[in-house]
Amino acid sequence: MFKIRALATLATLVSTAAAHSTVIPEKTPKTSVSSAEPKTSAGAQPEHHHHHNSEAANTVKVVDGIRAEFDMMEISAHKAMADEMGIKWTPDPTKNFHVSVTLANEKDGEALRDIPVHLSVTDPDGHLTEKSAEVMSAPGMYHYGIDFQRSAPGVYHAVASFELAGQPHKVQAELHLH
C-alpha cells in the first residue's frame, strides 16, 4: 500500500514539477550529503518532492534572478525520502522537522551548487534555529537543508543567506504548518 501511495504521489509531483520547472540534464549522478562547503558533481535535475502523507509546506520565491524553493517536512518523511534515494543521512535526533531550499538561476533553471548557504527558521513562538546548511544530492535532487524543532502550528519564517560572485543574497519565505 505504501509503494502505491508513494508512486501516486511521485507521479503527481513529477507532473507538477514538469509543468513548473526546467529540467536540467543529468551528467554524472552522485549521491552525497555534505556540510556547508559541499563538493558535488554538477548536473542533478530539479528536485522531486516525496512527502509520504506527512505534514509539509512548500513555497517558491524569486529574488535577484534566483529561484528559491523552500520545503518543510517531518524528519521521518525526509528520512524515508533519503532512504528511497539511497542517500545515507542521519537526522539530528533532537529535531522533528527539516527545512530545505533548492536554489536555481531563474533564467536557465541551472542549480546553484557548491556554495555555502546559511539557513534559519523562526517558529511561531519566536524561537530561532540557524546554522550552515548541509547539501543533499542525488539524481533528481539537490538542496541545502537543516533540521529544526517544530513547536506549534502556525507561520514559520525561513531565510537562506549566501553569496554569489562576491555579492550577498538573502531569500525569505513564510511557510504554514498546521
Protein backbone atom coordinates (compact mmCIF):
# COMPACT_ATOMS: atom_id res chain seq x y z
CA MET A 1 0.00 0.00 0.00
CA PHE A 2 2.84 2.38 0.88
CA LYS A 3 4.50 1.82 -2.53
CA ILE A 4 1.23 2.51 -4.37
CA ARG A 5 0.70 5.76 -2.43
CA ALA A 6 4.36 6.74 -2.91
CA LEU A 7 4.18 6.06 -6.66
CA ALA A 8 0.93 8.01 -6.99
CA THR A 9 2.42 10.89 -5.02
CA LEU A 10 5.61 10.76 -7.07
CA ALA A 11 3.67 10.76 -10.35
CA THR A 12 1.65 13.80 -9.23
CA LEU A 13 4.77 15.63 -8.07
CA VAL A 14 6.75 14.84 -11.21
CA SER A 15 3.93 16.05 -13.46
CA THR A 16 3.56 19.21 -11.33
CA ALA A 17 7.32 19.79 -11.35
CA ALA A 18 7.46 19.27 -15.11
CA ALA A 19 4.77 21.91 -15.59
CA HIS A 20 6.59 24.44 -13.40
CA SER A 21 10.31 23.84 -13.81
CA THR A 22 13.11 23.43 -16.25
CA VAL A 23 14.75 20.02 -16.39
CA ILE A 24 18.50 20.22 -16.03
CA PRO A 25 20.16 17.40 -17.96
CA GLU A 26 21.81 14.83 -15.76
CA LYS A 27 25.55 14.40 -16.31
CA THR A 28 27.20 12.37 -13.56
CA PRO A 29 24.74 11.19 -10.93
CA LYS A 30 26.24 11.06 -7.47
CA THR A 31 24.62 10.72 -4.09
CA SER A 32 26.02 12.71 -1.20
CA VAL A 33 25.32 14.65 1.94
CA SER A 34 27.93 17.18 2.99
CA SER A 35 28.49 20.18 5.19
CA ALA A 36 28.25 23.86 4.29
CA GLU A 37 31.07 23.72 1.77
CA PRO A 38 29.86 20.88 -0.48
CA LYS A 39 31.91 19.10 -3.10
CA THR A 40 29.45 17.51 -5.52
CA SER A 41 29.13 16.99 -9.24
CA ALA A 42 27.05 19.24 -11.45
CA GLY A 43 24.01 18.08 -13.33
CA ALA A 44 21.31 16.96 -10.90
CA GLN A 45 17.78 17.58 -12.07
CA PRO A 46 15.23 19.75 -10.25
CA GLU A 47 14.12 18.25 -7.00
CA HIS A 48 11.24 15.76 -6.79
CA HIS A 49 9.35 16.04 -3.52
CA HIS A 50 8.19 12.92 -1.66
CA HIS A 51 6.18 13.95 1.38
CA HIS A 52 4.77 10.48 2.20
CA ASN A 53 1.43 11.75 3.53
CA SER A 54 3.08 13.68 6.35
CA GLU A 55 2.77 17.31 7.24
CA ALA A 56 4.70 19.52 4.86
CA ALA A 57 4.79 23.04 3.44
CA ASN A 58 6.27 24.42 0.22
CA THR A 59 6.73 27.85 -1.35
CA VAL A 60 8.78 29.39 -4.16
CA LYS A 61 10.35 32.85 -4.07
CA VAL A 62 12.29 34.65 -6.80
CA VAL A 63 14.77 37.31 -5.66
CA ASP A 64 17.56 38.92 -7.72
CA GLY A 65 17.07 36.38 -10.53
CA ILE A 66 17.41 33.44 -8.13
CA ARG A 67 14.58 30.93 -7.77
CA ALA A 68 14.42 29.55 -4.23
CA GLU A 69 12.06 26.67 -3.48
CA PHE A 70 11.60 26.15 0.26
CA ASP A 71 10.26 22.90 1.69
CA MET A 72 9.47 21.94 5.27
CA MET A 73 8.62 18.38 6.20
CA GLU A 74 8.64 16.00 9.11
CA ILE A 75 12.04 14.41 9.76
CA SER A 76 10.52 10.93 9.31
CA ALA A 77 9.28 11.83 5.81
CA HIS A 78 12.61 13.36 4.85
CA LYS A 79 14.46 10.30 6.16
CA ALA A 80 12.15 8.00 4.16
CA MET A 81 12.84 10.07 1.03
CA ALA A 82 16.60 9.90 1.62
CA ASP A 83 16.43 6.14 2.19
CA GLU A 84 14.39 5.64 -1.03
CA MET A 85 17.02 7.55 -2.97
CA GLY A 86 19.90 5.62 -1.42
CA ILE A 87 21.24 8.62 0.46
CA LYS A 88 22.98 7.93 3.74
CA TRP A 89 21.70 10.71 6.02
CA THR A 90 21.34 10.80 9.77
CA PRO A 91 18.93 13.46 11.05
CA ASP A 92 19.50 15.37 14.27
CA PRO A 93 17.76 13.18 16.89
CA THR A 94 16.76 16.26 18.91
CA LYS A 95 14.75 17.76 16.00
CA ASN A 96 11.47 16.74 14.38
CA PHE A 97 11.31 18.79 11.14
CA HIS A 98 13.58 19.57 8.18
CA VAL A 99 13.69 22.74 6.09
CA SER A 100 15.40 22.78 2.72
CA VAL A 101 15.93 25.23 -0.09
CA THR A 102 16.62 24.41 -3.71
CA LEU A 103 18.40 27.33 -5.40
CA ALA A 104 18.46 27.87 -9.16
CA ASN A 105 19.12 30.57 -11.72
CA GLU A 106 15.70 31.86 -12.75
CA LYS A 107 16.65 32.32 -16.42
CA ASP A 108 18.02 28.89 -17.26
CA GLY A 109 16.99 26.77 -14.25
CA GLU A 110 20.62 25.84 -13.53
CA ALA A 111 21.01 24.69 -9.93
CA LEU A 112 23.26 26.82 -7.73
CA ARG A 113 25.75 24.34 -6.32
CA ASP A 114 28.79 24.21 -4.14
CA ILE A 115 28.07 27.45 -2.31
CA PRO A 116 27.96 27.89 1.45
CA VAL A 117 24.33 28.50 2.47
CA HIS A 118 23.22 29.64 5.91
CA LEU A 119 19.63 28.69 6.78
CA SER A 120 17.48 29.92 9.62
CA VAL A 121 13.96 29.11 10.78
CA THR A 122 11.93 31.13 13.24
CA ASP A 123 8.90 29.33 14.67
CA PRO A 124 5.55 30.95 15.59
CA ASP A 125 6.78 31.38 19.20
CA GLY A 126 9.86 33.32 18.04
CA HIS A 127 12.43 30.55 18.62
CA LEU A 128 15.29 30.75 16.11
CA THR A 129 17.24 27.81 14.67
CA GLU A 130 20.12 28.75 12.40
CA LYS A 131 23.20 27.06 11.02
CA SER A 132 25.23 26.26 7.94
CA ALA A 133 23.16 24.05 5.69
CA GLU A 134 24.03 20.54 4.57
CA VAL A 135 23.78 19.60 0.91
CA MET A 136 21.66 16.61 -0.02
CA SER A 137 22.29 15.44 -3.55
CA ALA A 138 21.13 12.53 -5.69
CA PRO A 139 19.84 12.09 -9.24
CA GLY A 140 16.78 14.32 -9.45
CA MET A 141 17.53 16.25 -6.26
CA TYR A 142 19.92 18.90 -4.95
CA HIS A 143 19.10 21.02 -1.94
CA TYR A 144 20.52 22.72 1.13
CA GLY A 145 18.85 21.93 4.46
CA ILE A 146 18.84 21.95 8.26
CA ASP A 147 16.82 20.19 10.93
CA PHE A 148 14.74 22.14 13.46
CA GLN A 149 12.20 21.61 16.22
CA ARG A 150 8.58 22.27 15.18
CA SER A 151 6.97 23.92 18.18
CA ALA A 152 3.38 24.66 17.19
CA PRO A 153 1.05 25.15 14.24
CA GLY A 154 1.43 28.49 12.51
CA VAL A 155 3.73 30.53 10.30
CA TYR A 156 7.41 29.60 10.15
CA HIS A 157 9.87 32.10 8.69
CA ALA A 158 12.77 30.62 6.72
CA VAL A 159 15.77 32.59 5.46
CA ALA A 160 18.53 31.39 3.11
CA SER A 161 21.67 33.57 3.03
CA PHE A 162 24.55 33.02 0.60
CA GLU A 163 27.00 34.78 -1.71
CA LEU A 164 27.28 34.58 -5.49
CA ALA A 165 30.15 36.27 -7.32
CA GLY A 166 31.02 38.12 -4.11
CA GLN A 167 27.51 39.57 -3.75
CA PRO A 168 25.42 38.70 -0.67
CA HIS A 169 21.90 37.34 -1.25
CA LYS A 170 19.07 36.67 1.17
CA VAL A 171 15.80 34.95 0.32
CA GLN A 172 13.00 34.90 2.89
CA ALA A 173 9.85 32.78 2.91
CA GLU A 174 6.85 32.10 5.12
CA LEU A 175 5.66 28.52 5.40
CA HIS A 176 2.44 27.49 7.14
CA LEU A 177 2.33 24.32 9.22
CA HIS A 178 -0.97 23.08 10.66
